[in-house]
Amino acid sequence: MNAEIIAVGSELLLGHIVNTNARFLSKNLADLGINVFYHTVVGDNPERLKQVIEIAESRSDLLIFTGGLGPTKDDLTKDTIATHLNRKLVIDKIALDTIEDYYKRTGRTMTDNNKKQALVIEGSEILPNDYGMAPGMVYSSEKHIYMLFPGVPKEMEPMFLTYAHPYFMNKLQLKEKIVSRVLRFYGIGESQLETEIEDLIDGQSNPTIAPLAGENEVTLRITAKHESVEKANEMIEETEKIILDRVGEYCYGYDETSLMSELSKMLQEKQLTIAAAESLTGGMFQKELTAIPGAGNLLKGGVVCYTPEVKQNVLKVKKETIETYGVVSSQCAKELAENVAQLMNADIGISFTGVAGPDELEGKPVGTVYVGMSIKGQPTRVEKLNLGVNRTTNRVRTVKWGCHYLLKLIN
């Protein structure tokens, strides 16, 4: 079955919101073995939507629509599809009762246009909306399947998982289960990672291996098909072992985790506290760490030491260190890490100093960064990075490298 995802909404074309629905649907359809060959976005215009439907019918079996099921005049998806299919729109009694009950419970006045959300294409199967008002629906013709979802992700995603997924399992009579695992890597580029496992990718069948470059990271998605979930997991683990034997030093976690999440877990397991001295990152390390629940037990505190005066007066970096080596130096990074750990009475001190950009500093090119790490019971370690010329990317990558280095050192 070949699918096309059609997002309806002028706000998508204007860039006011990002189409995260397409990503979610593509991923989940792939897990079902359904090919997604096209993503289309069209504005709130019935003529253009009609043209999009006709084009999609010429090349796809399954047409999935998101958006345009609401109560306002620009919500025209089901009206346009119903007209195209020569079907009527009829009231779904259960949906209407749900809408009316909501307004009674909240004490709000229900306007007539809210009833529009209870309209469905005659002859369609209803996908209940457990988190909103407008139901989804599935209409099948001789050649095509039309599936309509609300555009709001918090309504669309549970609707797909709870009702559409079982529909596909029954419709396609899928006996095989599809199981995936994502391996996350840092410190290795996409091209190098692919080179290391090129023979595995070339010879893949079941499981399959799919490399994907993320935000300054690389992931590998391993997918296996089998009637038994347990057997599929075994197949994945066998392939994973071969991969990790080659590039395991760069693998830091699985699925939806992050470097900071893994660092937080490790600090909690080891019962270690941390403090940070941040120059070019401007508090970004601490911001990311405190976004994770439980950070209050890990982060003692930190200093944004953006100027030489603060480095010297607050964090007690020696005057001669700054005069001799500069603030962008391994010597400065070392003292910052050691002194912030002592100042905050933390087990670990980490420091970031460097040239984020756009201009050089102390004769050092943009992207020159030093990460200092002082861990109780270990010699202080300083790592030098040679990053790119983009200021924002340099700051993000610096924090990620700091997490990466700490994970290795603490282990």
Protein backbone atom coordinates (compact mmCIF):
# COMPACT_ATOMS: atom_id res chain seq x y z
CA MET A 1 0.00 0.00 0.00
CA ASN A 2 1.38 3.39 -1.04
CA ALA A 3 0.33 6.42 0.98
CA GLU A 4 0.33 10.18 0.54
CA ILE A 5 0.05 12.56 3.47
CA ILE A 6 -1.85 15.76 2.72
CA ALA A 7 -1.72 18.56 5.27
CA VAL A 8 -4.42 21.19 4.88
CA GLY A 9 -3.91 24.67 6.31
CA SER A 10 -2.67 28.03 5.08
CA GLU A 11 -0.85 28.50 8.40
CA LEU A 12 1.55 25.74 7.34
CA LEU A 13 2.34 27.47 4.06
CA LEU A 14 2.87 30.79 5.84
CA GLY A 15 5.34 29.18 8.22
CA HIS A 16 3.31 29.96 11.33
CA ILE A 17 3.47 26.32 12.50
CA VAL A 18 5.62 23.29 11.68
CA ASN A 19 4.04 20.18 10.16
CA THR A 20 5.03 17.67 12.84
CA ASN A 21 2.02 15.50 11.91
CA ALA A 22 3.72 14.37 8.70
CA ARG A 23 6.78 13.17 10.58
CA PHE A 24 4.65 11.26 13.11
CA LEU A 25 2.49 9.64 10.44
CA SER A 26 5.41 8.71 8.20
CA LYS A 27 7.22 7.00 11.06
CA ASN A 28 4.18 5.03 12.19
CA LEU A 29 3.12 4.07 8.65
CA ALA A 30 6.66 2.82 7.96
CA ASP A 31 6.40 0.62 11.05
CA LEU A 32 3.28 -0.90 9.48
CA GLY A 33 5.06 -1.52 6.19
CA ILE A 34 3.08 1.18 4.37
CA ASN A 35 5.15 3.23 1.91
CA VAL A 36 4.90 7.02 2.11
CA PHE A 37 6.08 8.43 -1.21
CA TYR A 38 4.66 11.96 -1.06
CA HIS A 39 4.03 14.75 1.45
CA THR A 40 1.77 17.55 0.25
CA VAL A 41 0.75 20.81 1.93
CA VAL A 42 -2.15 22.83 0.57
CA GLY A 43 -3.85 25.98 1.82
CA ASP A 44 -7.47 26.46 2.84
CA ASN A 45 -8.77 26.65 -0.71
CA PRO A 46 -11.31 24.13 -2.04
CA GLU A 47 -10.18 24.31 -5.68
CA ARG A 48 -6.52 23.74 -4.85
CA LEU A 49 -7.43 20.98 -2.42
CA LYS A 50 -9.51 19.30 -5.13
CA GLN A 51 -6.51 19.41 -7.49
CA VAL A 52 -4.29 17.90 -4.80
CA ILE A 53 -6.80 15.07 -4.24
CA GLU A 54 -6.91 14.25 -7.96
CA ILE A 55 -3.12 14.19 -8.21
CA ALA A 56 -2.83 12.02 -5.10
CA GLU A 57 -5.41 9.56 -6.45
CA SER A 58 -3.31 9.10 -9.58
CA ARG A 59 -0.29 7.86 -7.63
CA SER A 60 -1.34 6.66 -4.17
CA ASP A 61 -3.69 4.05 -2.68
CA LEU A 62 -4.05 5.67 0.72
CA LEU A 63 -4.73 9.40 1.11
CA ILE A 64 -4.27 10.68 4.65
CA PHE A 65 -5.49 14.22 5.42
CA THR A 66 -4.66 16.28 8.51
CA GLY A 67 -6.40 19.53 9.39
CA GLY A 68 -9.53 21.30 8.24
CA LEU A 69 -12.06 19.43 10.41
CA GLY A 70 -12.87 22.33 12.75
CA PRO A 71 -15.90 24.63 13.07
CA THR A 72 -14.78 27.68 11.09
CA LYS A 73 -15.36 28.57 7.43
CA ASP A 74 -11.79 27.80 6.43
CA ASP A 75 -12.14 24.23 7.77
CA LEU A 76 -13.10 22.72 4.44
CA THR A 77 -11.37 19.36 4.20
CA LYS A 78 -14.30 17.00 4.69
CA ASP A 79 -16.64 19.23 2.67
CA THR A 80 -14.27 19.18 -0.30
CA ILE A 81 -13.60 15.44 -0.07
CA ALA A 82 -17.31 14.64 0.30
CA THR A 83 -18.12 16.72 -2.79
CA HIS A 84 -15.31 15.07 -4.71
CA LEU A 85 -16.60 11.59 -3.76
CA ASN A 86 -20.23 12.60 -4.42
CA ARG A 87 -21.13 11.75 -0.84
CA LYS A 88 -23.21 13.63 1.72
CA LEU A 89 -22.05 14.91 5.09
CA VAL A 90 -24.15 13.53 7.94
CA ILE A 91 -24.20 14.18 11.67
CA ASP A 92 -22.45 11.60 13.85
CA LYS A 93 -24.67 11.38 16.92
CA ILE A 94 -21.91 10.27 19.29
CA ALA A 95 -19.65 13.13 18.25
CA LEU A 96 -22.47 15.65 18.59
CA ASP A 97 -23.32 14.37 22.07
CA THR A 98 -19.66 14.71 23.06
CA ILE A 99 -19.51 18.30 21.84
CA GLU A 100 -22.76 19.27 23.55
CA ASP A 101 -21.67 17.61 26.79
CA TYR A 102 -18.40 19.57 26.73
CA TYR A 103 -20.22 22.89 26.53
CA LYS A 104 -22.62 21.90 29.32
CA ARG A 105 -19.77 20.85 31.61
CA THR A 106 -17.76 24.00 31.00
CA GLY A 107 -20.75 26.35 31.19
CA ARG A 108 -19.94 27.87 27.82
CA THR A 109 -22.36 28.78 25.04
CA MET A 110 -22.32 26.43 22.09
CA THR A 111 -22.64 28.22 18.77
CA ASP A 112 -24.25 26.59 15.72
CA ASN A 113 -20.98 26.26 13.83
CA ASN A 114 -19.66 23.86 16.48
CA LYS A 115 -22.14 21.29 15.19
CA LYS A 116 -20.11 21.30 11.98
CA GLN A 117 -17.42 19.34 13.82
CA ALA A 118 -19.83 16.42 14.20
CA LEU A 119 -20.35 16.10 10.44
CA VAL A 120 -18.77 13.04 8.80
CA ILE A 121 -18.71 11.65 5.28
CA GLU A 122 -21.67 9.35 4.71
CA GLY A 123 -20.58 5.70 4.78
CA SER A 124 -17.29 6.31 6.56
CA GLU A 125 -15.91 4.54 9.62
CA ILE A 126 -15.54 6.90 12.57
CA LEU A 127 -12.29 7.45 14.45
CA PRO A 128 -13.32 8.85 17.86
CA ASN A 129 -11.57 11.94 19.17
CA ASP A 130 -10.72 11.29 22.82
CA TYR A 131 -8.87 14.59 23.22
CA GLY A 132 -10.98 17.02 21.21
CA MET A 133 -14.28 17.45 19.40
CA ALA A 134 -14.00 16.69 15.68
CA PRO A 135 -13.87 12.94 14.99
CA GLY A 136 -11.63 11.44 12.35
CA MET A 137 -12.95 9.10 9.67
CA VAL A 138 -12.03 6.50 7.07
CA TYR A 139 -13.83 6.22 3.76
CA SER A 140 -13.05 3.37 1.35
CA SER A 141 -13.84 3.41 -2.35
CA GLU A 142 -13.02 0.71 -4.90
CA LYS A 143 -9.55 2.12 -5.56
CA HIS A 144 -8.64 4.34 -2.64
CA ILE A 145 -8.80 4.78 1.11
CA TYR A 146 -9.36 8.30 2.44
CA MET A 147 -8.41 8.88 6.08
CA LEU A 148 -9.11 12.20 7.79
CA PHE A 149 -7.53 13.42 11.04
CA PRO A 150 -7.69 16.67 13.02
CA GLY A 151 -4.68 18.93 12.55
CA VAL A 152 -3.92 19.38 16.27
CA PRO A 153 -1.11 16.91 17.11
CA LYS A 154 -2.38 16.19 20.63
CA GLU A 155 -5.67 15.02 19.04
CA MET A 156 -4.26 13.40 15.90
CA GLU A 157 -1.52 11.28 17.47
CA PRO A 158 -3.63 9.38 20.03
CA MET A 159 -6.40 8.99 17.42
CA PHE A 160 -3.96 7.28 15.08
CA LEU A 161 -2.44 5.03 17.73
CA THR A 162 -5.74 4.04 19.35
CA TYR A 163 -8.02 3.69 16.32
CA ALA A 164 -6.19 3.96 12.98
CA HIS A 165 -3.37 1.58 13.86
CA PRO A 166 -5.77 -1.31 14.68
CA TYR A 167 -7.69 -0.47 11.48
CA PHE A 168 -4.56 -0.98 9.41
CA MET A 169 -3.60 -4.14 11.26
CA ASN A 170 -7.03 -5.59 10.43
CA LYS A 171 -7.20 -4.16 6.90
CA LEU A 172 -3.77 -5.40 5.88
CA GLN A 173 -4.11 -8.61 7.90
CA LEU A 174 -0.61 -8.11 9.21
CA LYS A 175 0.75 -11.15 10.95
CA GLU A 176 4.28 -9.90 11.18
CA LYS A 177 5.16 -7.50 13.96
CA ILE A 178 7.54 -4.67 13.12
CA VAL A 179 9.94 -3.73 15.91
CA SER A 180 12.47 -0.89 15.78
CA ARG A 181 15.30 0.33 17.96
CA VAL A 182 17.25 3.55 17.50
CA LEU A 183 20.92 3.70 18.45
CA ARG A 184 22.24 7.19 19.15
CA PHE A 185 25.86 8.19 18.45
CA TYR A 186 28.01 11.21 19.19
CA GLY A 187 31.58 12.03 18.27
CA ILE A 188 31.42 10.30 14.89
CA GLY A 189 30.18 11.76 11.61
CA GLU A 190 27.47 10.25 9.45
CA SER A 191 29.87 9.39 6.62
CA GLN A 192 32.38 7.73 8.96
CA LEU A 193 29.68 5.73 10.72
CA GLU A 194 28.27 4.55 7.40
CA THR A 195 31.75 3.57 6.21
CA GLU A 196 32.33 1.47 9.33
CA ILE A 197 29.15 -0.55 8.76
CA GLU A 198 28.84 -0.24 4.98
CA ASP A 199 28.91 -4.01 4.44
CA LEU A 200 26.05 -4.47 6.91
CA ILE A 201 23.93 -1.83 5.15
CA ASP A 202 24.68 -3.31 1.71
CA GLY A 203 23.77 -6.82 2.88
CA GLN A 204 20.71 -5.91 4.95
CA SER A 205 17.39 -7.65 4.50
CA ASN A 206 15.78 -8.39 7.86
CA PRO A 207 16.68 -6.57 10.09
CA THR A 208 17.20 -3.37 8.11
CA ILE A 209 19.61 -0.61 9.11
CA ALA A 210 18.87 3.05 8.35
CA PRO A 211 21.41 5.81 9.19
CA LEU A 212 20.03 9.26 9.94
CA ALA A 213 21.81 12.52 10.72
CA GLY A 214 20.19 14.54 13.49
CA GLU A 215 21.04 17.80 15.24
CA ASN A 216 24.83 17.41 15.37
CA GLU A 217 24.29 13.71 16.07
CA VAL A 218 23.89 10.49 14.13
CA THR A 219 21.38 7.70 14.70
CA LEU A 220 20.93 4.19 13.36
CA ARG A 221 17.45 2.71 13.19
CA ILE A 222 17.37 -1.10 13.27
CA THR A 223 14.04 -2.60 12.22
CA ALA A 224 13.08 -6.28 12.28
CA LYS A 225 9.93 -8.11 11.15
CA HIS A 226 8.70 -11.33 12.72
CA GLU A 227 5.45 -12.85 13.94
CA SER A 228 7.00 -12.94 17.42
CA VAL A 229 8.00 -9.66 19.06
CA GLU A 230 10.51 -11.56 21.18
CA LYS A 231 12.16 -13.03 18.10
CA ALA A 232 12.22 -9.63 16.39
CA ASN A 233 14.01 -8.18 19.41
CA GLU A 234 16.51 -11.03 19.32
CA MET A 235 17.22 -10.28 15.67
CA ILE A 236 17.75 -6.61 16.50
CA GLU A 237 20.09 -7.45 19.37
CA GLU A 238 22.23 -9.67 17.13
CA THR A 239 22.63 -6.87 14.60
CA GLU A 240 23.18 -4.31 17.32
CA LYS A 241 26.03 -6.37 18.81
CA ILE A 242 27.84 -6.46 15.47
CA ILE A 243 27.45 -2.70 15.08
CA LEU A 244 28.60 -1.91 18.62
CA ASP A 245 31.64 -4.16 18.25
CA ARG A 246 32.76 -1.71 15.57
CA VAL A 247 31.54 1.71 16.72
CA GLY A 248 30.29 1.13 20.25
CA GLU A 249 32.59 3.76 21.75
CA TYR A 250 30.43 6.45 20.12
CA CYS A 251 27.03 5.02 21.15
CA TYR A 252 25.52 6.74 24.15
CA GLY A 253 21.86 5.65 24.25
CA TYR A 254 18.68 4.44 22.62
CA ASP A 255 15.49 5.76 21.05
CA GLU A 256 14.32 9.21 22.27
CA THR A 257 17.05 9.91 24.83
CA SER A 258 19.63 12.71 24.66
CA LEU A 259 23.21 13.25 25.80
CA MET A 260 22.03 15.44 28.68
CA SER A 261 19.42 12.86 29.72
CA GLU A 262 22.06 10.14 29.78
CA LEU A 263 24.44 12.35 31.76
CA SER A 264 21.67 13.11 34.25
CA LYS A 265 20.97 9.38 34.67
CA MET A 266 24.63 8.61 35.23
CA LEU A 267 25.07 11.39 37.78
CA GLN A 268 22.06 10.07 39.67
CA GLU A 269 23.31 6.48 39.56
CA LYS A 270 26.77 7.48 40.79
CA GLN A 271 25.31 9.99 43.28
CA LEU A 272 27.54 12.75 41.94
CA THR A 273 26.95 16.50 41.99
CA ILE A 274 28.13 18.98 39.37
CA ALA A 275 28.83 22.68 38.95
CA ALA A 276 29.48 24.64 35.77
CA ALA A 277 31.58 27.62 34.74
CA GLU A 278 30.23 28.84 31.39
CA SER A 279 31.74 31.48 29.19
CA LEU A 280 30.77 31.07 25.52
CA THR A 281 27.78 28.82 26.37
CA GLY A 282 26.24 31.51 28.58
CA GLY A 283 24.40 29.12 30.93
CA MET A 284 23.18 26.74 28.22
CA PHE A 285 24.61 23.65 29.96
CA GLN A 286 22.79 24.47 33.19
CA LYS A 287 19.59 25.34 31.34
CA GLU A 288 19.50 21.94 29.63
CA LEU A 289 20.35 20.06 32.82
CA THR A 290 17.69 21.84 34.89
CA ALA A 291 15.08 20.99 32.24
CA ILE A 292 15.38 17.36 33.36
CA PRO A 293 13.40 16.29 36.46
CA GLY A 294 15.63 15.58 39.44
CA ALA A 295 18.30 18.11 38.46
CA GLY A 296 17.99 19.72 41.90
CA ASN A 297 19.85 16.74 43.34
CA LEU A 298 22.63 17.02 40.77
CA LEU A 299 23.43 20.66 39.98
CA LYS A 300 24.98 22.58 42.85
CA GLY A 301 25.12 25.79 40.83
CA GLY A 302 27.23 27.63 38.32
CA VAL A 303 28.67 30.88 37.09
CA VAL A 304 28.25 32.54 33.71
CA CYS A 305 31.76 33.97 33.49
CA TYR A 306 31.55 35.86 30.24
CA THR A 307 34.23 38.44 30.96
CA PRO A 308 37.85 38.09 32.10
CA GLU A 309 36.97 40.10 35.23
CA VAL A 310 34.38 37.55 36.37
CA LYS A 311 36.74 34.67 35.58
CA GLN A 312 39.39 36.29 37.71
CA ASN A 313 37.38 37.91 40.52
CA VAL A 314 34.60 35.34 41.04
CA LEU A 315 36.18 32.08 39.92
CA LYS A 316 39.70 33.03 40.98
CA VAL A 317 41.47 32.27 37.72
CA LYS A 318 45.02 33.52 38.25
CA LYS A 319 45.83 36.91 36.76
CA GLU A 320 49.05 35.53 35.30
CA THR A 321 47.11 32.69 33.63
CA ILE A 322 44.93 35.16 31.75
CA GLU A 323 47.84 37.46 30.93
CA THR A 324 50.09 34.62 29.74
CA TYR A 325 47.69 32.24 28.02
CA GLY A 326 44.45 34.19 27.59
CA VAL A 327 40.90 33.24 28.49
CA VAL A 328 40.65 30.97 25.44
CA SER A 329 43.17 28.41 26.65
CA SER A 330 43.46 24.99 28.24
CA GLN A 331 45.07 26.60 31.30
CA CYS A 332 42.05 28.87 31.85
CA ALA A 333 39.59 26.03 31.27
CA LYS A 334 41.44 23.88 33.82
CA GLU A 335 41.32 26.51 36.55
CA LEU A 336 37.68 27.32 35.83
CA ALA A 337 36.64 23.67 36.20
CA GLU A 338 38.63 23.13 39.38
CA ASN A 339 37.59 26.39 40.99
CA VAL A 340 33.87 26.16 40.25
CA ALA A 341 33.80 22.64 41.76
CA GLN A 342 35.50 23.97 44.88
CA LEU A 343 33.32 27.10 45.03
CA MET A 344 30.09 25.08 44.81
CA ASN A 345 31.37 22.09 46.81
CA ALA A 346 30.54 19.77 43.90
CA ASP A 347 31.99 16.40 42.90
CA ILE A 348 32.44 17.57 39.32
CA GLY A 349 33.33 20.93 37.82
CA ILE A 350 32.90 21.53 34.09
CA SER A 351 33.96 24.64 32.21
CA PHE A 352 33.43 26.02 28.72
CA THR A 353 35.59 28.76 27.28
CA GLY A 354 36.21 29.62 23.65
CA VAL A 355 35.32 31.62 20.57
CA ALA A 356 31.69 31.18 19.57
CA GLY A 357 31.92 33.80 16.80
CA PRO A 358 31.46 35.71 14.64
CA ASP A 359 34.83 37.34 15.37
CA GLU A 360 38.19 35.97 16.42
CA LEU A 361 39.32 36.38 20.04
CA GLU A 362 42.87 36.59 21.29
CA GLY A 363 44.06 35.62 17.83
CA LYS A 364 42.14 32.33 18.05
CA PRO A 365 39.82 31.43 15.16
CA VAL A 366 36.07 31.08 15.54
CA GLY A 367 35.18 27.59 16.76
CA THR A 368 38.19 27.22 19.09
CA VAL A 369 36.77 25.83 22.34
CA TYR A 370 38.18 24.32 25.52
CA VAL A 371 36.14 22.08 27.81
CA GLY A 372 37.59 21.57 31.28
CA MET A 373 36.49 18.73 33.56
CA SER A 374 37.49 18.35 37.19
CA ILE A 375 36.21 15.11 38.73
CA LYS A 376 36.91 14.28 42.36
CA GLY A 377 39.63 11.65 42.55
CA GLN A 378 40.76 12.13 38.96
CA PRO A 379 43.29 14.44 37.29
CA THR A 380 41.65 17.46 35.66
CA ARG A 381 41.10 16.93 31.96
CA VAL A 382 40.84 19.58 29.23
CA GLU A 383 39.63 18.84 25.71
CA LYS A 384 40.13 21.19 22.78
CA LEU A 385 37.48 21.47 20.07
CA ASN A 386 37.84 22.93 16.61
CA LEU A 387 34.27 23.65 15.59
CA GLY A 388 32.75 25.61 12.70
CA VAL A 389 31.96 29.25 12.05
CA ASN A 390 28.28 29.35 13.07
CA ARG A 391 27.86 30.94 16.49
CA THR A 392 24.65 29.17 17.49
CA THR A 393 25.82 25.76 16.31
CA ASN A 394 29.15 26.17 18.11
CA ARG A 395 27.40 26.81 21.42
CA VAL A 396 25.04 23.84 21.00
CA ARG A 397 27.85 21.51 19.97
CA THR A 398 30.02 22.65 22.88
CA VAL A 399 27.38 21.59 25.41
CA LYS A 400 26.91 18.25 23.65
CA TRP A 401 30.66 17.61 23.62
CA GLY A 402 30.79 18.43 27.33
CA CYS A 403 28.13 15.80 28.04
CA HIS A 404 29.90 13.32 25.77
CA TYR A 405 33.26 13.77 27.51
CA LEU A 406 31.74 13.54 31.00
CA LEU A 407 29.89 10.33 30.15
CA LYS A 408 33.18 8.75 29.08
CA LEU A 409 35.16 10.03 32.08
CA ILE A 410 32.58 9.11 34.70
CA ASN A 411 32.27 5.62 33.23
